[in-house]
């Protein structure tokens, strides 16, 4: 068994058409396929979106009892399926189940012409599952006979214009997953023992009376990375606890999207109306002192709210969108890696300290302080 990468993620949403409008208009995805009762997908409506190498399938249940409807009722809109590309679905499914993965749906084949796509479902974390995907033969169909690709998109794919230059982001860098306190070690062990992932990073972050444990697991191919986080119950509740409460259990907190030019991407998305988390102005006062010289003007990074961190390999630049969901759960991260392999944990403390300096200055001036922007 070899896990090659992330084939796509599937979001269960209350209204696939409404969600697609946001992702297309604001985030720059292209709607490139659809499926529903007319294609043999009973009880659901699905829309396929793509940007760069990132494919997102949006699915709404058309009635009670459909898994998408049940998921949305409990968790709200969110990522319910993380699809893993494999070289052999039958072998991968058999091996994963033998190692202890929950067997949900055995291998199924979809074929059209020379194109064959095989899928199977196994358990992941919480109510999130993994779809194993094997693709064989030539063909532009995402799921032959079930998810139909639009003719215009198929033509661009045939011309080699599907994931080329000029995109705002290229691929999925990582998924950040929140799990309840006490479940981190078991979740890490499951991905190591069952899926063959390796733990590549671990740390404990403590700031402002909050604490969280974080461990990162990655597939041997290096193409699938999960940042797993649990809150420290002995500390003050913060944003991880909030997510778990609002989401009602484990789930994907954010999707990290890799970009080659974060300044251009944030500028473009801001113009499209995407909201980003606010960064205290004081964060930038000591930025180059903390991370060294940066290839972009600090003033430009400050204007856009882009964060910078450094590890042993180099720098990373990152920014988080505001959640577009009513429960304030799932959001997106844009990340540009300039040699760094970690995930910007140094920014948590830097953001907090900058906010405290800002609050102290406001208090000294007699102004009313506002705590938006403080982690947690």
Protein backbone atom coordinates (compact mmCIF):
# COMPACT_ATOMS: atom_id res chain seq x y z
CA UNK A 1 0.00 0.00 0.00
CA UNK A 2 1.22 3.47 -0.90
CA UNK A 3 -0.64 6.68 -0.11
CA UNK A 4 0.30 9.02 -2.95
CA UNK A 5 -1.39 12.23 -1.81
CA UNK A 6 -4.73 13.95 -1.29
CA UNK A 7 -7.01 13.30 -4.25
CA UNK A 8 -9.70 15.70 -2.99
CA UNK A 9 -11.62 16.76 0.07
CA UNK A 10 -15.39 16.54 0.31
CA UNK A 11 -17.36 19.05 2.32
CA UNK A 12 -20.85 18.28 3.54
CA UNK A 13 -22.81 21.52 3.40
CA UNK A 14 -26.38 22.67 3.89
CA UNK A 15 -26.56 24.22 0.41
CA UNK A 16 -24.01 23.09 -2.18
CA UNK A 17 -25.00 25.80 -4.66
CA UNK A 18 -24.59 28.58 -2.08
CA UNK A 19 -21.26 27.19 -0.89
CA UNK A 20 -20.04 26.89 -4.48
CA UNK A 21 -20.89 30.53 -5.11
CA UNK A 22 -18.69 31.61 -2.19
CA UNK A 23 -15.77 29.38 -3.14
CA UNK A 24 -15.95 30.45 -6.78
CA UNK A 25 -16.56 34.17 -6.30
CA UNK A 26 -14.40 34.82 -3.24
CA UNK A 27 -11.71 32.11 -3.23
CA UNK A 28 -11.23 31.71 -6.98
CA UNK A 29 -12.29 28.09 -7.44
CA UNK A 30 -13.78 26.98 -10.75
CA UNK A 31 -16.92 24.87 -10.79
CA UNK A 32 -15.96 21.99 -13.03
CA UNK A 33 -18.40 19.14 -12.41
CA UNK A 34 -21.71 18.08 -10.91
CA UNK A 35 -23.62 15.04 -9.77
CA UNK A 36 -27.02 14.17 -8.33
CA UNK A 37 -30.07 12.01 -8.92
CA UNK A 38 -29.71 12.52 -12.69
CA UNK A 39 -26.25 10.86 -12.56
CA UNK A 40 -27.23 8.06 -10.21
CA UNK A 41 -26.30 9.77 -6.93
CA UNK A 42 -29.61 9.33 -5.15
CA UNK A 43 -30.49 11.66 -2.31
CA UNK A 44 -27.70 14.17 -2.83
CA UNK A 45 -26.48 17.10 -4.89
CA UNK A 46 -22.71 17.43 -5.45
CA UNK A 47 -20.66 20.16 -7.14
CA UNK A 48 -16.97 19.72 -7.94
CA UNK A 49 -14.64 22.74 -7.66
CA UNK A 50 -10.98 23.10 -8.56
CA UNK A 51 -8.18 25.60 -8.12
CA UNK A 52 -4.63 24.59 -8.97
CA UNK A 53 -4.23 21.01 -7.79
CA UNK A 54 -6.89 21.42 -5.08
CA UNK A 55 -10.21 19.71 -5.68
CA UNK A 56 -13.17 20.27 -3.35
CA UNK A 57 -16.40 18.31 -3.68
CA UNK A 58 -19.40 20.05 -2.12
CA UNK A 59 -22.27 17.70 -1.20
CA UNK A 60 -25.71 18.43 0.23
CA UNK A 61 -28.21 15.78 1.32
CA UNK A 62 -31.60 16.17 -0.34
CA UNK A 63 -33.48 14.69 2.58
CA UNK A 64 -33.12 13.46 6.17
CA UNK A 65 -31.10 10.32 6.64
CA UNK A 66 -28.47 11.09 4.00
CA UNK A 67 -24.97 11.11 5.58
CA UNK A 68 -24.41 14.71 4.44
CA UNK A 69 -27.65 15.90 6.02
CA UNK A 70 -26.86 14.07 9.27
CA UNK A 71 -23.33 15.51 9.34
CA UNK A 72 -24.50 19.08 8.78
CA UNK A 73 -27.18 18.70 11.46
CA UNK A 74 -24.56 17.70 14.03
CA UNK A 75 -21.46 19.61 12.95
CA UNK A 76 -22.53 22.31 10.53
CA UNK A 77 -20.77 22.69 7.16
CA UNK A 78 -17.36 21.03 7.24
CA UNK A 79 -14.85 18.65 5.68
CA UNK A 80 -16.31 15.18 6.09
CA UNK A 81 -14.14 13.19 3.66
CA UNK A 82 -10.40 13.38 3.09
CA UNK A 83 -9.77 11.36 -0.06
CA UNK A 84 -6.40 9.63 -0.32
CA UNK A 85 -4.90 8.72 -3.69
CA UNK A 86 -3.55 5.16 -3.72
CA UNK A 87 -2.04 2.94 -6.38
CA UNK A 88 -4.36 -0.03 -5.69
CA UNK A 89 -7.67 0.46 -3.87
CA UNK A 90 -8.38 -3.22 -3.29
CA UNK A 91 -4.94 -3.84 -1.78
CA UNK A 92 -5.04 -0.63 0.27
CA UNK A 93 -8.53 -1.29 1.63
CA UNK A 94 -7.65 -4.87 2.51
CA UNK A 95 -4.44 -3.86 4.26
CA UNK A 96 -5.96 -0.94 6.16
CA UNK A 97 -8.87 -3.01 7.45
CA UNK A 98 -6.45 -5.77 8.47
CA UNK A 99 -4.46 -3.15 10.43
CA UNK A 100 -7.58 -1.99 12.28
CA UNK A 101 -9.24 0.68 10.13
CA UNK A 102 -13.04 0.76 10.28
CA UNK A 103 -14.40 -0.87 7.12
CA UNK A 104 -17.16 1.40 5.81
CA UNK A 105 -17.60 0.77 2.06
CA UNK A 106 -15.74 -1.94 0.12
CA UNK A 107 -14.15 -1.14 -3.25
CA UNK A 108 -16.49 0.12 -6.00
CA UNK A 109 -15.56 0.79 -9.64
CA UNK A 110 -16.71 3.62 -11.92
CA UNK A 111 -15.82 3.25 -15.59
CA UNK A 112 -16.31 5.18 -18.81
CA UNK A 113 -14.33 4.40 -21.94
CA UNK A 114 -10.73 3.75 -20.93
CA UNK A 115 -11.06 5.60 -17.62
CA UNK A 116 -11.59 3.59 -14.47
CA UNK A 117 -11.85 5.03 -10.97
CA UNK A 118 -12.05 2.74 -7.95
CA UNK A 119 -13.00 3.97 -4.48
CA UNK A 120 -13.53 2.59 -0.97
CA UNK A 121 -14.25 4.14 2.43
CA UNK A 122 -12.50 3.58 5.77
CA UNK A 123 -12.77 5.38 9.09
CA UNK A 124 -10.57 8.35 9.95
CA UNK A 125 -11.10 10.58 13.02
CA UNK A 126 -14.38 11.53 14.63
CA UNK A 127 -17.04 11.54 11.90
CA UNK A 128 -14.45 12.26 9.18
CA UNK A 129 -13.70 9.34 6.87
CA UNK A 130 -11.08 8.55 4.24
CA UNK A 131 -12.04 7.74 0.68
CA UNK A 132 -9.38 5.66 -1.07
CA UNK A 133 -9.13 6.62 -4.74
CA UNK A 134 -7.37 4.77 -7.57
CA UNK A 135 -7.39 6.30 -11.06
CA UNK A 136 -6.57 4.30 -14.19
CA UNK A 137 -6.60 5.17 -17.89
CA UNK A 138 -7.14 8.43 -19.71
CA UNK A 139 -10.20 10.52 -19.03
CA UNK A 140 -11.24 13.86 -17.63
CA UNK A 141 -14.12 12.56 -15.52
CA UNK A 142 -13.69 12.96 -11.79
CA UNK A 143 -16.01 10.01 -11.08
CA UNK A 144 -17.12 8.43 -14.38
CA UNK A 145 -20.90 8.26 -14.68
CA UNK A 146 -21.49 9.85 -11.27
CA UNK A 147 -19.74 13.26 -11.27
CA UNK A 148 -19.89 14.75 -14.76
CA UNK A 149 -17.17 17.18 -15.78
CA UNK A 150 -18.26 20.36 -17.54
CA UNK A 151 -17.25 20.45 -21.25
CA UNK A 152 -15.40 23.77 -20.86
CA UNK A 153 -13.31 22.43 -17.99
CA UNK A 154 -12.60 19.18 -19.83
CA UNK A 155 -11.31 21.19 -22.78
CA UNK A 156 -8.96 23.18 -20.56
CA UNK A 157 -7.75 19.99 -18.90
CA UNK A 158 -7.03 18.52 -22.33
CA UNK A 159 -5.02 21.61 -23.19
CA UNK A 160 -2.97 21.25 -20.01
CA UNK A 161 -4.42 24.35 -18.38
CA UNK A 162 -5.82 22.74 -15.22
CA UNK A 163 -3.23 23.51 -12.58
CA UNK A 164 -0.79 25.84 -14.26
CA UNK A 165 0.96 29.06 -13.31
CA UNK A 166 -0.92 32.10 -12.15
CA UNK A 167 -3.03 30.28 -9.57
CA UNK A 168 -3.51 31.83 -6.12
CA UNK A 169 -2.50 28.55 -4.48
CA UNK A 170 -1.18 25.24 -5.76
CA UNK A 171 -2.09 22.38 -3.48
CA UNK A 172 -3.14 21.35 0.01
CA UNK A 173 -0.22 21.83 2.39
CA UNK A 174 -1.89 20.32 5.47
CA UNK A 175 -5.11 19.85 7.38
CA UNK A 176 -5.35 20.99 11.00
CA UNK A 177 -7.49 18.66 13.08
CA UNK A 178 -8.84 19.33 16.57
CA UNK A 179 -9.56 16.35 18.84
CA UNK A 180 -10.95 16.32 22.39
CA UNK A 181 -8.56 16.29 25.31
CA UNK A 182 -7.12 12.83 25.91
CA UNK A 183 -7.58 11.63 22.31
CA UNK A 184 -4.41 12.99 20.70
CA UNK A 185 -2.10 10.08 21.54
CA UNK A 186 -4.60 7.49 20.33
CA UNK A 187 -5.26 9.41 17.09
CA UNK A 188 -1.52 9.69 16.39
CA UNK A 189 -1.04 6.00 17.14
CA UNK A 190 -3.85 5.08 14.73
CA UNK A 191 -2.29 7.02 11.87
CA UNK A 192 1.11 5.50 12.60
CA UNK A 193 -0.02 1.88 13.04
CA UNK A 194 -2.92 1.74 10.58
CA UNK A 195 -2.06 4.24 7.83
CA UNK A 196 1.74 4.02 8.09
CA UNK A 197 2.24 7.74 8.77
CA UNK A 198 5.28 9.06 10.64
CA UNK A 199 5.28 11.63 13.42
CA UNK A 200 7.44 14.53 12.22
CA UNK A 201 6.82 17.24 14.81
CA UNK A 202 5.45 17.66 18.33
CA UNK A 203 5.17 20.56 20.73
CA UNK A 204 3.25 22.00 23.65
CA UNK A 205 2.09 25.60 23.21
CA UNK A 206 1.25 27.65 26.29
CA UNK A 207 0.21 31.29 26.13
CA UNK A 208 -2.16 33.55 28.06
CA UNK A 209 -3.22 30.78 30.41
CA UNK A 210 -4.15 28.49 27.53
CA UNK A 211 -2.37 25.31 26.55
CA UNK A 212 -2.53 22.83 23.71
CA UNK A 213 -0.64 19.74 22.58
CA UNK A 214 0.13 19.42 18.89
CA UNK A 215 1.61 16.52 16.94
CA UNK A 216 2.10 16.35 13.17
CA UNK A 217 1.85 13.10 11.23
CA UNK A 218 2.75 12.68 7.58
CA UNK A 219 2.48 9.96 4.95
CA UNK A 220 5.75 8.38 3.75
CA UNK A 221 5.23 10.16 0.41
CA UNK A 222 5.28 13.49 2.26
CA UNK A 223 2.11 14.54 0.41
CA UNK A 224 -0.45 14.10 3.23
CA UNK A 225 0.11 16.03 6.45
CA UNK A 226 -2.22 16.21 9.44
CA UNK A 227 -1.61 18.69 12.27
CA UNK A 228 -3.40 17.12 15.24
CA UNK A 229 -4.26 19.36 18.21
CA UNK A 230 -5.87 18.77 21.61
CA UNK A 231 -6.58 21.34 24.34
CA UNK A 232 -4.98 21.12 27.77
CA UNK A 233 -7.94 20.75 30.17
CA UNK A 234 -5.89 22.10 33.09
CA UNK A 235 -5.56 25.48 31.36
CA UNK A 236 -8.04 28.18 30.41
CA UNK A 237 -10.29 27.20 27.47
CA UNK A 238 -9.26 28.78 24.16
CA UNK A 239 -9.92 28.52 20.45
CA UNK A 240 -9.41 24.74 20.24
CA UNK A 241 -11.97 24.18 22.99
CA UNK A 242 -14.31 26.60 21.20
CA UNK A 243 -14.00 24.63 17.95
CA UNK A 244 -14.71 21.31 19.66
CA UNK A 245 -17.78 22.76 21.37
CA UNK A 246 -19.20 24.51 18.30
CA UNK A 247 -18.37 21.62 15.96
CA UNK A 248 -19.57 19.03 18.48
CA UNK A 249 -16.46 16.88 18.45
CA UNK A 250 -13.35 16.16 16.40
CA UNK A 251 -13.01 17.75 12.99
CA UNK A 252 -10.93 19.71 10.49
CA UNK A 253 -10.36 23.18 11.92
CA UNK A 254 -8.62 24.59 8.88
CA UNK A 255 -7.33 23.68 5.46
CA UNK A 256 -3.79 24.89 4.73
CA UNK A 257 -3.29 25.92 1.09
CA UNK A 258 0.24 26.28 -0.29
CA UNK A 259 0.94 29.40 -2.36
CA UNK A 260 4.03 30.54 -4.22
CA UNK A 261 3.27 34.25 -3.67
CA UNK A 262 1.27 34.98 -0.54
CA UNK A 263 1.35 38.74 -1.03
CA UNK A 264 -0.28 38.45 -4.44
CA UNK A 265 -2.76 35.84 -3.21
CA UNK A 266 -3.89 37.85 -0.18
CA UNK A 267 -4.13 41.03 -2.25
CA UNK A 268 -6.33 39.26 -4.80
CA UNK A 269 -8.54 37.51 -2.23
CA UNK A 270 -8.99 40.71 -0.21
CA UNK A 271 -10.19 42.44 -3.37
CA UNK A 272 -12.68 39.61 -3.83
CA UNK A 273 -14.10 40.28 -0.36
CA UNK A 274 -12.40 37.54 1.68
CA UNK A 275 -11.96 38.53 5.32
CA UNK A 276 -8.72 37.71 7.15
CA UNK A 277 -7.94 37.59 10.86
CA UNK A 278 -6.70 40.94 12.17
CA UNK A 279 -3.09 41.22 13.26
CA UNK A 280 -2.07 43.76 15.95
CA UNK A 281 0.10 46.53 14.50
CA UNK A 282 2.64 45.93 17.30
CA UNK A 283 3.33 42.44 15.89
CA UNK A 284 5.44 44.04 13.14
CA UNK A 285 7.54 46.27 15.43
CA UNK A 286 10.00 43.46 16.20
CA UNK A 287 9.34 41.18 13.26
CA UNK A 288 12.73 41.23 11.53
CA UNK A 289 14.44 41.10 14.93
CA UNK A 290 12.57 37.84 15.53
CA UNK A 291 12.74 36.16 12.09
CA UNK A 292 15.58 37.94 10.26
CA UNK A 293 15.46 39.83 6.94
CA UNK A 294 12.34 39.19 4.84
CA UNK A 295 12.11 39.39 1.07
CA UNK A 296 8.99 41.57 1.23
CA UNK A 297 8.66 45.05 2.78
CA UNK A 298 7.43 44.79 6.36
CA UNK A 299 5.04 47.67 5.64
CA UNK A 300 3.34 45.61 2.92
CA UNK A 301 3.06 42.57 5.18
CA UNK A 302 1.61 44.78 7.91
CA UNK A 303 -0.97 46.28 5.55
CA UNK A 304 -2.13 42.80 4.54
CA UNK A 305 -1.82 41.22 8.01
CA UNK A 306 0.56 38.46 6.87
CA UNK A 307 2.46 36.63 9.63
CA UNK A 308 6.08 35.45 9.40
CA UNK A 309 7.85 32.72 11.37
CA UNK A 310 11.19 30.94 11.13
CA UNK A 311 12.42 27.45 11.86
CA UNK A 312 15.71 25.61 11.24
CA UNK A 313 15.00 25.39 7.50
CA UNK A 314 13.95 28.94 6.74
CA UNK A 315 10.91 31.21 6.87
CA UNK A 316 7.22 30.71 6.33
CA UNK A 317 4.58 33.34 5.70
CA UNK A 318 0.97 32.63 6.64
CA UNK A 319 -2.45 34.16 7.13
CA UNK A 320 -5.84 32.81 8.18
CA UNK A 321 -9.20 33.67 6.71
CA UNK A 322 -12.20 34.43 8.84
CA UNK A 323 -14.56 31.47 9.01
CA UNK A 324 -17.35 31.69 6.47
CA UNK A 325 -19.61 29.38 8.49
CA UNK A 326 -22.36 30.25 10.94
CA UNK A 327 -20.74 28.13 13.68
CA UNK A 328 -17.40 29.93 13.15
CA UNK A 329 -15.61 26.61 12.71
CA UNK A 330 -13.81 25.74 9.44
CA UNK A 331 -11.51 28.37 7.94
CA UNK A 332 -8.62 28.48 5.45
CA UNK A 333 -4.92 29.21 5.79
CA UNK A 334 -2.64 30.50 3.06
CA UNK A 335 0.97 29.51 3.58
CA UNK A 336 4.14 30.24 1.61
CA UNK A 337 7.18 28.17 2.53
CA UNK A 338 10.61 29.66 2.07
CA UNK A 339 12.50 26.67 3.38
CA UNK A 340 10.48 26.21 6.59
CA UNK A 341 8.90 22.82 7.27
CA UNK A 342 6.96 23.62 10.46
CA UNK A 343 3.65 25.45 10.93
CA UNK A 344 4.21 28.88 12.49
CA UNK A 345 3.73 28.11 16.18
CA UNK A 346 6.05 30.98 17.06
CA UNK A 347 3.38 33.33 15.80
CA UNK A 348 0.99 32.36 18.59
CA UNK A 349 3.15 33.91 21.29
CA UNK A 350 4.25 36.81 19.09
CA UNK A 351 0.62 37.71 18.33
CA UNK A 352 -0.32 37.56 22.00
CA UNK A 353 2.61 39.69 23.14
CA UNK A 354 1.90 42.26 20.42
CA UNK A 355 -1.74 42.44 21.44
CA UNK A 356 -0.77 42.94 25.08
CA UNK A 357 1.51 45.85 24.12
CA UNK A 358 -1.34 47.34 22.11
CA UNK A 359 -3.79 46.96 25.01
CA UNK A 360 -1.31 48.50 27.44
CA UNK A 361 -0.89 51.51 25.15
CA UNK A 362 -4.67 51.88 24.85
CA UNK A 363 -5.10 51.67 28.61
CA UNK A 364 -2.42 54.32 29.13
CA UNK A 365 -4.23 56.63 26.71
CA UNK A 366 -7.58 56.05 28.39
CA UNK A 367 -9.12 54.34 25.32
CA UNK A 368 -11.33 51.28 25.65
CA UNK A 369 -9.34 48.14 24.85
CA UNK A 370 -10.65 45.54 22.45
CA UNK A 371 -9.34 41.99 22.68
CA UNK A 372 -10.09 40.78 19.20
CA UNK A 373 -6.96 39.17 17.77
CA UNK A 374 -5.79 37.57 21.03
CA UNK A 375 -5.44 33.80 20.49
CA UNK A 376 -8.32 31.97 22.12
